[in-house]
Amino acid sequence: MARVGRLGGALLAETQGTYYLIGNTKVPCDFQQAGFEPPGEIDALKKPYVQLLPLREVKVAAPVLLLDVEGEELARRLAQRFLIERNGSVSERLWRLVYSPDDPLDDPEEPIERDARWLGDIPEAIWQLVRDNVLRCI
């Protein structure tokens, strides 16, 4: 089962021992301290995800989504599901919708892992309707 969390505002996905950074980071990120070789330039508008090379054992920190999509297909789907097309950043609205639709993310009583297998299975056309509605400026 793949694990998806956050790193520097981007998504960090672990799938079968391989790590992907999806989207642009929103804050400066010390990749070495996080356990990865620095990936060089990150520009999610050119390439929405990059593979990260671990320097040591890395655990995806909570909050975590669990998905049953594996490999590079996981990174591709996460980019399609969560990235804002105009800037390559992860949409906080979409992240909250998937991880915590009813409760704040910082509620200590909430589980730190969420089963999100449905996110990998939902047809792209249906998710696009959700995206459009969630990302619509009010």
N, C-alpha and C. Protein backbone atom coordinates (compact mmCIF):
# COMPACT_ATOMS: atom_id res chain seq x y z
N MET A 1 0.85 -1.18 0.00
CA MET A 1 0.00 0.00 0.00
C MET A 1 0.89 1.23 0.00
N ALA A 2 0.62 2.15 -0.90
CA ALA A 2 1.38 3.40 -1.02
C ALA A 2 0.96 4.37 0.08
N ARG A 3 1.92 5.18 0.51
CA ARG A 3 1.68 6.18 1.55
C ARG A 3 1.98 7.55 0.96
N VAL A 4 1.08 8.51 1.22
CA VAL A 4 1.23 9.86 0.68
C VAL A 4 1.09 10.85 1.82
N GLY A 5 2.09 11.70 1.97
CA GLY A 5 2.07 12.76 2.98
C GLY A 5 2.53 14.06 2.35
N ARG A 6 3.05 14.94 3.16
CA ARG A 6 3.48 16.26 2.69
C ARG A 6 4.96 16.46 3.02
N LEU A 7 5.62 17.24 2.16
CA LEU A 7 7.01 17.64 2.38
C LEU A 7 7.18 19.02 1.78
N GLY A 8 7.39 20.01 2.62
CA GLY A 8 7.58 21.37 2.14
C GLY A 8 6.39 21.94 1.39
N GLY A 9 5.20 21.42 1.66
CA GLY A 9 3.99 21.87 0.97
C GLY A 9 3.66 21.06 -0.26
N ALA A 10 4.62 20.29 -0.77
CA ALA A 10 4.36 19.38 -1.89
C ALA A 10 3.87 18.05 -1.32
N LEU A 11 3.55 17.11 -2.20
CA LEU A 11 3.21 15.77 -1.76
C LEU A 11 4.45 14.89 -1.79
N LEU A 12 4.58 14.01 -0.82
CA LEU A 12 5.63 13.01 -0.78
C LEU A 12 4.94 11.66 -0.83
N ALA A 13 5.22 10.88 -1.87
CA ALA A 13 4.59 9.57 -2.03
C ALA A 13 5.66 8.49 -1.95
N GLU A 14 5.37 7.45 -1.16
CA GLU A 14 6.24 6.28 -1.08
C GLU A 14 5.47 5.11 -1.66
N THR A 15 6.05 4.47 -2.65
CA THR A 15 5.43 3.33 -3.31
C THR A 15 6.48 2.26 -3.55
N GLN A 16 6.34 1.15 -2.88
CA GLN A 16 7.25 0.00 -3.03
C GLN A 16 8.71 0.41 -2.86
N GLY A 17 8.98 1.27 -1.89
CA GLY A 17 10.34 1.69 -1.60
C GLY A 17 10.87 2.82 -2.47
N THR A 18 10.07 3.32 -3.40
CA THR A 18 10.45 4.44 -4.25
C THR A 18 9.68 5.67 -3.78
N TYR A 19 10.35 6.83 -3.81
CA TYR A 19 9.75 8.07 -3.33
C TYR A 19 9.61 9.07 -4.48
N TYR A 20 8.48 9.76 -4.48
CA TYR A 20 8.21 10.81 -5.46
C TYR A 20 7.80 12.09 -4.74
N LEU A 21 8.30 13.22 -5.23
CA LEU A 21 7.84 14.52 -4.80
C LEU A 21 6.91 15.02 -5.89
N ILE A 22 5.67 15.34 -5.52
CA ILE A 22 4.67 15.77 -6.48
C ILE A 22 4.34 17.23 -6.20
N GLY A 23 4.55 18.07 -7.21
CA GLY A 23 4.24 19.49 -7.08
C GLY A 23 5.43 20.30 -6.62
N ASN A 24 5.25 21.61 -6.68
CA ASN A 24 6.27 22.54 -6.20
C ASN A 24 6.20 22.64 -4.69
N THR A 25 7.36 22.79 -4.06
CA THR A 25 7.36 23.05 -2.62
C THR A 25 6.87 24.48 -2.40
N LYS A 26 6.27 24.70 -1.25
CA LYS A 26 5.74 26.03 -0.92
C LYS A 26 6.62 26.77 0.07
N VAL A 27 7.49 26.02 0.73
CA VAL A 27 8.43 26.59 1.69
C VAL A 27 9.80 25.98 1.41
N PRO A 28 10.87 26.65 1.83
CA PRO A 28 12.19 26.05 1.64
C PRO A 28 12.25 24.67 2.30
N CYS A 29 12.90 23.74 1.63
CA CYS A 29 12.95 22.36 2.12
C CYS A 29 14.39 21.88 2.14
N ASP A 30 14.84 21.40 3.28
CA ASP A 30 16.17 20.81 3.40
C ASP A 30 16.02 19.32 3.10
N PHE A 31 16.24 18.96 1.85
CA PHE A 31 16.03 17.58 1.43
C PHE A 31 16.96 16.61 2.16
N GLN A 32 18.20 17.02 2.40
CA GLN A 32 19.12 16.13 3.11
C GLN A 32 18.63 15.84 4.52
N GLN A 33 18.14 16.85 5.20
CA GLN A 33 17.61 16.65 6.55
C GLN A 33 16.38 15.75 6.51
N ALA A 34 15.59 15.85 5.43
CA ALA A 34 14.41 15.00 5.28
C ALA A 34 14.78 13.58 4.87
N GLY A 35 16.06 13.37 4.51
CA GLY A 35 16.51 12.03 4.18
C GLY A 35 16.68 11.74 2.70
N PHE A 36 16.74 12.80 1.88
CA PHE A 36 16.84 12.61 0.43
C PHE A 36 18.01 13.41 -0.15
N GLU A 37 18.53 12.90 -1.26
CA GLU A 37 19.48 13.69 -2.04
C GLU A 37 18.71 14.88 -2.62
N PRO A 38 19.30 16.08 -2.62
CA PRO A 38 18.60 17.22 -3.23
C PRO A 38 18.28 16.90 -4.69
N PRO A 39 17.03 17.14 -5.11
CA PRO A 39 16.62 16.76 -6.46
C PRO A 39 17.01 17.74 -7.55
N GLY A 40 17.67 18.83 -7.19
CA GLY A 40 17.97 19.85 -8.19
C GLY A 40 16.76 20.74 -8.38
N GLU A 41 16.66 21.34 -9.55
CA GLU A 41 15.56 22.27 -9.83
C GLU A 41 14.23 21.52 -9.82
N ILE A 42 13.27 22.12 -9.14
CA ILE A 42 11.90 21.58 -9.13
C ILE A 42 11.02 22.58 -9.83
N ASP A 43 10.39 22.16 -10.89
CA ASP A 43 9.44 23.01 -11.62
C ASP A 43 8.29 22.12 -12.07
N ALA A 44 7.25 22.08 -11.24
CA ALA A 44 6.12 21.19 -11.50
C ALA A 44 5.34 21.57 -12.74
N LEU A 45 5.55 22.78 -13.27
CA LEU A 45 4.88 23.13 -14.52
C LEU A 45 5.53 22.40 -15.69
N LYS A 46 6.82 22.10 -15.57
CA LYS A 46 7.52 21.34 -16.61
C LYS A 46 7.40 19.84 -16.38
N LYS A 47 7.58 19.41 -15.14
CA LYS A 47 7.49 18.00 -14.76
C LYS A 47 6.78 17.97 -13.41
N PRO A 48 5.55 17.46 -13.37
CA PRO A 48 4.75 17.56 -12.14
C PRO A 48 5.26 16.73 -10.96
N TYR A 49 6.15 15.77 -11.22
CA TYR A 49 6.70 14.97 -10.13
C TYR A 49 8.12 14.58 -10.46
N VAL A 50 8.91 14.37 -9.39
CA VAL A 50 10.29 13.92 -9.55
C VAL A 50 10.52 12.78 -8.57
N GLN A 51 11.36 11.84 -8.98
CA GLN A 51 11.73 10.76 -8.07
C GLN A 51 12.81 11.27 -7.13
N LEU A 52 12.66 10.96 -5.85
CA LEU A 52 13.65 11.34 -4.85
C LEU A 52 14.48 10.12 -4.48
N LEU A 53 15.77 10.33 -4.26
CA LEU A 53 16.66 9.25 -3.88
C LEU A 53 16.93 9.34 -2.38
N PRO A 54 16.51 8.33 -1.61
CA PRO A 54 16.70 8.39 -0.16
C PRO A 54 18.16 8.19 0.23
N LEU A 55 18.57 8.90 1.26
CA LEU A 55 19.91 8.77 1.84
C LEU A 55 19.91 7.78 2.99
N ARG A 56 18.75 7.54 3.53
CA ARG A 56 18.58 6.64 4.66
C ARG A 56 17.12 6.17 4.65
N GLU A 57 16.72 5.41 5.64
CA GLU A 57 15.32 5.01 5.73
C GLU A 57 14.48 6.25 6.01
N VAL A 58 13.40 6.40 5.25
CA VAL A 58 12.53 7.57 5.37
C VAL A 58 11.12 7.08 5.67
N LYS A 59 10.49 7.74 6.61
CA LYS A 59 9.09 7.45 6.94
C LYS A 59 8.25 8.66 6.54
N VAL A 60 7.19 8.42 5.79
CA VAL A 60 6.30 9.51 5.40
C VAL A 60 5.56 9.96 6.66
N ALA A 61 5.71 11.24 7.00
CA ALA A 61 5.13 11.78 8.23
C ALA A 61 3.63 12.03 8.07
N ALA A 62 2.92 11.93 9.17
CA ALA A 62 1.47 12.17 9.20
C ALA A 62 1.21 13.65 8.97
N PRO A 63 0.06 13.97 8.42
CA PRO A 63 -1.05 13.10 8.04
C PRO A 63 -0.74 12.34 6.73
N VAL A 64 -1.28 11.12 6.63
CA VAL A 64 -0.95 10.22 5.53
C VAL A 64 -2.23 9.69 4.89
N LEU A 65 -2.20 9.65 3.56
CA LEU A 65 -3.24 8.97 2.78
C LEU A 65 -2.69 7.62 2.34
N LEU A 66 -3.52 6.59 2.39
CA LEU A 66 -3.14 5.26 1.93
C LEU A 66 -3.87 4.97 0.62
N LEU A 67 -3.10 4.62 -0.41
CA LEU A 67 -3.67 4.31 -1.72
C LEU A 67 -3.13 2.97 -2.19
N ASP A 68 -3.87 2.30 -3.06
CA ASP A 68 -3.39 1.03 -3.58
C ASP A 68 -2.87 1.13 -5.01
N VAL A 69 -2.68 2.33 -5.52
CA VAL A 69 -2.01 2.55 -6.80
C VAL A 69 -0.52 2.56 -6.50
N GLU A 70 0.27 1.91 -7.34
CA GLU A 70 1.71 1.82 -7.07
C GLU A 70 2.53 2.33 -8.24
N GLY A 71 3.81 2.54 -7.99
CA GLY A 71 4.76 2.91 -9.02
C GLY A 71 4.57 4.34 -9.51
N GLU A 72 5.13 4.61 -10.68
CA GLU A 72 5.06 5.95 -11.25
C GLU A 72 3.63 6.37 -11.54
N GLU A 73 2.74 5.39 -11.75
CA GLU A 73 1.33 5.71 -11.98
C GLU A 73 0.74 6.44 -10.77
N LEU A 74 1.19 6.10 -9.57
CA LEU A 74 0.73 6.81 -8.37
C LEU A 74 1.09 8.29 -8.47
N ALA A 75 2.34 8.59 -8.81
CA ALA A 75 2.78 9.99 -8.92
C ALA A 75 1.97 10.72 -9.98
N ARG A 76 1.72 10.07 -11.12
CA ARG A 76 0.95 10.70 -12.19
C ARG A 76 -0.47 11.02 -11.73
N ARG A 77 -1.11 10.06 -11.07
CA ARG A 77 -2.49 10.29 -10.61
C ARG A 77 -2.55 11.36 -9.52
N LEU A 78 -1.59 11.36 -8.62
CA LEU A 78 -1.59 12.38 -7.57
C LEU A 78 -1.42 13.77 -8.16
N ALA A 79 -0.56 13.89 -9.16
CA ALA A 79 -0.39 15.19 -9.83
C ALA A 79 -1.71 15.62 -10.47
N GLN A 80 -2.37 14.69 -11.13
CA GLN A 80 -3.64 15.00 -11.78
C GLN A 80 -4.72 15.34 -10.75
N ARG A 81 -4.69 14.69 -9.62
CA ARG A 81 -5.73 14.89 -8.61
C ARG A 81 -5.53 16.17 -7.79
N PHE A 82 -4.28 16.52 -7.48
CA PHE A 82 -4.04 17.57 -6.48
C PHE A 82 -3.39 18.86 -6.98
N LEU A 83 -2.70 18.83 -8.11
CA LEU A 83 -1.94 20.03 -8.49
C LEU A 83 -2.81 21.08 -9.17
N ILE A 84 -2.53 22.33 -8.85
CA ILE A 84 -3.17 23.47 -9.50
C ILE A 84 -2.41 23.69 -10.80
N GLU A 85 -3.11 23.64 -11.91
CA GLU A 85 -2.46 23.66 -13.22
C GLU A 85 -1.69 24.94 -13.49
N ARG A 86 -2.13 26.07 -13.00
CA ARG A 86 -1.47 27.34 -13.35
C ARG A 86 -0.17 27.57 -12.60
N ASN A 87 0.05 26.88 -11.44
CA ASN A 87 1.29 27.13 -10.70
C ASN A 87 2.02 25.88 -10.22
N GLY A 88 1.45 24.70 -10.42
CA GLY A 88 2.12 23.46 -10.04
C GLY A 88 2.17 23.18 -8.56
N SER A 89 1.40 23.91 -7.76
CA SER A 89 1.35 23.69 -6.31
C SER A 89 0.20 22.76 -5.96
N VAL A 90 0.33 22.14 -4.80
CA VAL A 90 -0.73 21.28 -4.29
C VAL A 90 -1.86 22.16 -3.77
N SER A 91 -3.08 21.84 -4.15
CA SER A 91 -4.24 22.56 -3.67
C SER A 91 -4.56 22.13 -2.24
N GLU A 92 -4.51 23.11 -1.33
CA GLU A 92 -4.86 22.81 0.07
C GLU A 92 -6.33 22.43 0.18
N ARG A 93 -7.17 23.02 -0.63
CA ARG A 93 -8.61 22.68 -0.60
C ARG A 93 -8.83 21.23 -0.98
N LEU A 94 -8.15 20.77 -2.03
CA LEU A 94 -8.32 19.37 -2.45
C LEU A 94 -7.72 18.41 -1.42
N TRP A 95 -6.56 18.78 -0.86
CA TRP A 95 -5.95 17.94 0.18
C TRP A 95 -6.90 17.79 1.37
N ARG A 96 -7.47 18.91 1.81
CA ARG A 96 -8.40 18.85 2.95
C ARG A 96 -9.66 18.05 2.60
N LEU A 97 -10.14 18.19 1.38
CA LEU A 97 -11.32 17.43 0.96
C LEU A 97 -11.07 15.93 1.07
N VAL A 98 -9.91 15.50 0.64
CA VAL A 98 -9.60 14.06 0.66
C VAL A 98 -9.23 13.60 2.06
N TYR A 99 -8.36 14.33 2.74
CA TYR A 99 -7.89 13.87 4.05
C TYR A 99 -8.88 14.12 5.17
N SER A 100 -9.50 15.27 5.17
CA SER A 100 -10.30 15.67 6.32
C SER A 100 -11.51 16.49 5.89
N PRO A 101 -12.49 15.87 5.23
CA PRO A 101 -13.60 16.64 4.69
C PRO A 101 -14.49 17.31 5.74
N ASP A 102 -14.55 16.75 6.95
CA ASP A 102 -15.46 17.29 7.96
C ASP A 102 -14.76 17.93 9.15
N ASP A 103 -13.49 17.61 9.34
CA ASP A 103 -12.79 18.04 10.55
C ASP A 103 -11.49 18.74 10.20
N PRO A 104 -11.01 19.60 11.10
CA PRO A 104 -9.72 20.25 10.85
C PRO A 104 -8.58 19.23 10.88
N LEU A 105 -7.53 19.51 10.11
CA LEU A 105 -6.39 18.61 10.04
C LEU A 105 -5.65 18.50 11.37
N ASP A 106 -5.75 19.51 12.21
CA ASP A 106 -4.97 19.52 13.44
C ASP A 106 -5.74 18.96 14.64
N ASP A 107 -6.84 18.27 14.42
CA ASP A 107 -7.60 17.68 15.51
C ASP A 107 -6.84 16.46 16.04
N PRO A 108 -6.38 16.51 17.32
CA PRO A 108 -5.58 15.42 17.86
C PRO A 108 -6.33 14.09 17.95
N GLU A 109 -7.64 14.12 17.88
CA GLU A 109 -8.43 12.90 17.97
C GLU A 109 -8.60 12.20 16.61
N GLU A 110 -8.22 12.89 15.55
CA GLU A 110 -8.39 12.34 14.21
C GLU A 110 -7.30 11.31 13.92
N PRO A 111 -7.62 10.31 13.11
CA PRO A 111 -6.59 9.33 12.74
C PRO A 111 -5.49 10.01 11.92
N ILE A 112 -4.27 9.49 12.03
CA ILE A 112 -3.17 10.10 11.30
C ILE A 112 -3.04 9.50 9.90
N GLU A 113 -3.74 8.40 9.66
CA GLU A 113 -3.75 7.78 8.34
C GLU A 113 -5.19 7.65 7.87
N ARG A 114 -5.41 7.92 6.60
CA ARG A 114 -6.75 7.79 6.02
C ARG A 114 -6.69 6.84 4.84
N ASP A 115 -7.63 5.94 4.78
CA ASP A 115 -7.77 5.06 3.63
C ASP A 115 -8.34 5.89 2.47
N ALA A 116 -7.54 6.08 1.43
CA ALA A 116 -7.97 6.88 0.28
C ALA A 116 -7.88 6.06 -1.00
N ARG A 117 -8.09 4.75 -0.88
CA ARG A 117 -8.02 3.90 -2.07
C ARG A 117 -9.02 4.35 -3.14
N TRP A 118 -10.13 4.92 -2.71
CA TRP A 118 -11.14 5.38 -3.65
C TRP A 118 -10.57 6.46 -4.59
N LEU A 119 -9.60 7.25 -4.09
CA LEU A 119 -9.03 8.32 -4.90
C LEU A 119 -8.28 7.78 -6.11
N GLY A 120 -7.66 6.64 -5.96
CA GLY A 120 -6.97 6.02 -7.08
C GLY A 120 -7.90 5.39 -8.09
N ASP A 121 -9.12 5.07 -7.65
CA ASP A 121 -10.08 4.37 -8.50
C ASP A 121 -11.08 5.28 -9.19
N ILE A 122 -11.27 6.48 -8.66
CA ILE A 122 -12.30 7.37 -9.20
C ILE A 122 -11.94 7.76 -10.64
N PRO A 123 -12.89 7.66 -11.57
CA PRO A 123 -12.59 8.04 -12.97
C PRO A 123 -12.15 9.50 -13.06
N GLU A 124 -11.20 9.77 -13.97
CA GLU A 124 -10.67 11.12 -14.11
C GLU A 124 -11.76 12.14 -14.42
N ALA A 125 -12.74 11.75 -15.24
CA ALA A 125 -13.81 12.70 -15.61
C ALA A 125 -14.62 13.10 -14.38
N ILE A 126 -14.88 12.17 -13.50
CA ILE A 126 -15.64 12.48 -12.27
C ILE A 126 -14.80 13.37 -11.36
N TRP A 127 -13.51 13.01 -11.19
CA TRP A 127 -12.65 13.83 -10.33
C TRP A 127 -12.51 15.23 -10.90
N GLN A 128 -12.49 15.38 -12.22
CA GLN A 128 -12.37 16.71 -12.82
C GLN A 128 -13.56 17.58 -12.44
N LEU A 129 -14.74 17.00 -12.36
CA LEU A 129 -15.92 17.75 -11.90
C LEU A 129 -15.74 18.21 -10.46
N VAL A 130 -15.21 17.33 -9.62
CA VAL A 130 -14.94 17.68 -8.21
C VAL A 130 -13.90 18.80 -8.17
N ARG A 131 -12.79 18.63 -8.89
CA ARG A 131 -11.72 19.65 -8.93
C ARG A 131 -12.27 21.00 -9.32
N ASP A 132 -13.03 21.02 -10.43
CA ASP A 132 -13.55 22.28 -10.93
C ASP A 132 -14.42 22.98 -9.90
N ASN A 133 -15.23 22.20 -9.19
CA ASN A 133 -16.13 22.77 -8.19
C ASN A 133 -15.33 23.27 -6.96
N VAL A 134 -14.38 22.49 -6.49
CA VAL A 134 -13.60 22.85 -5.31
C VAL A 134 -12.69 24.04 -5.59
N LEU A 135 -12.10 24.08 -6.77
CA LEU A 135 -11.13 25.14 -7.09
C LEU A 135 -11.75 26.40 -7.65
N ARG A 136 -13.07 26.38 -7.88
CA ARG A 136 -13.75 27.56 -8.40
C ARG A 136 -13.61 28.71 -7.41
N CYS A 137 -13.22 29.85 -7.93
CA CYS A 137 -13.11 31.06 -7.09
C CYS A 137 -14.52 31.50 -6.69
N ILE A 138 -14.66 31.84 -5.45
CA ILE A 138 -15.97 32.25 -4.95
C ILE A 138 -16.06 33.75 -4.91
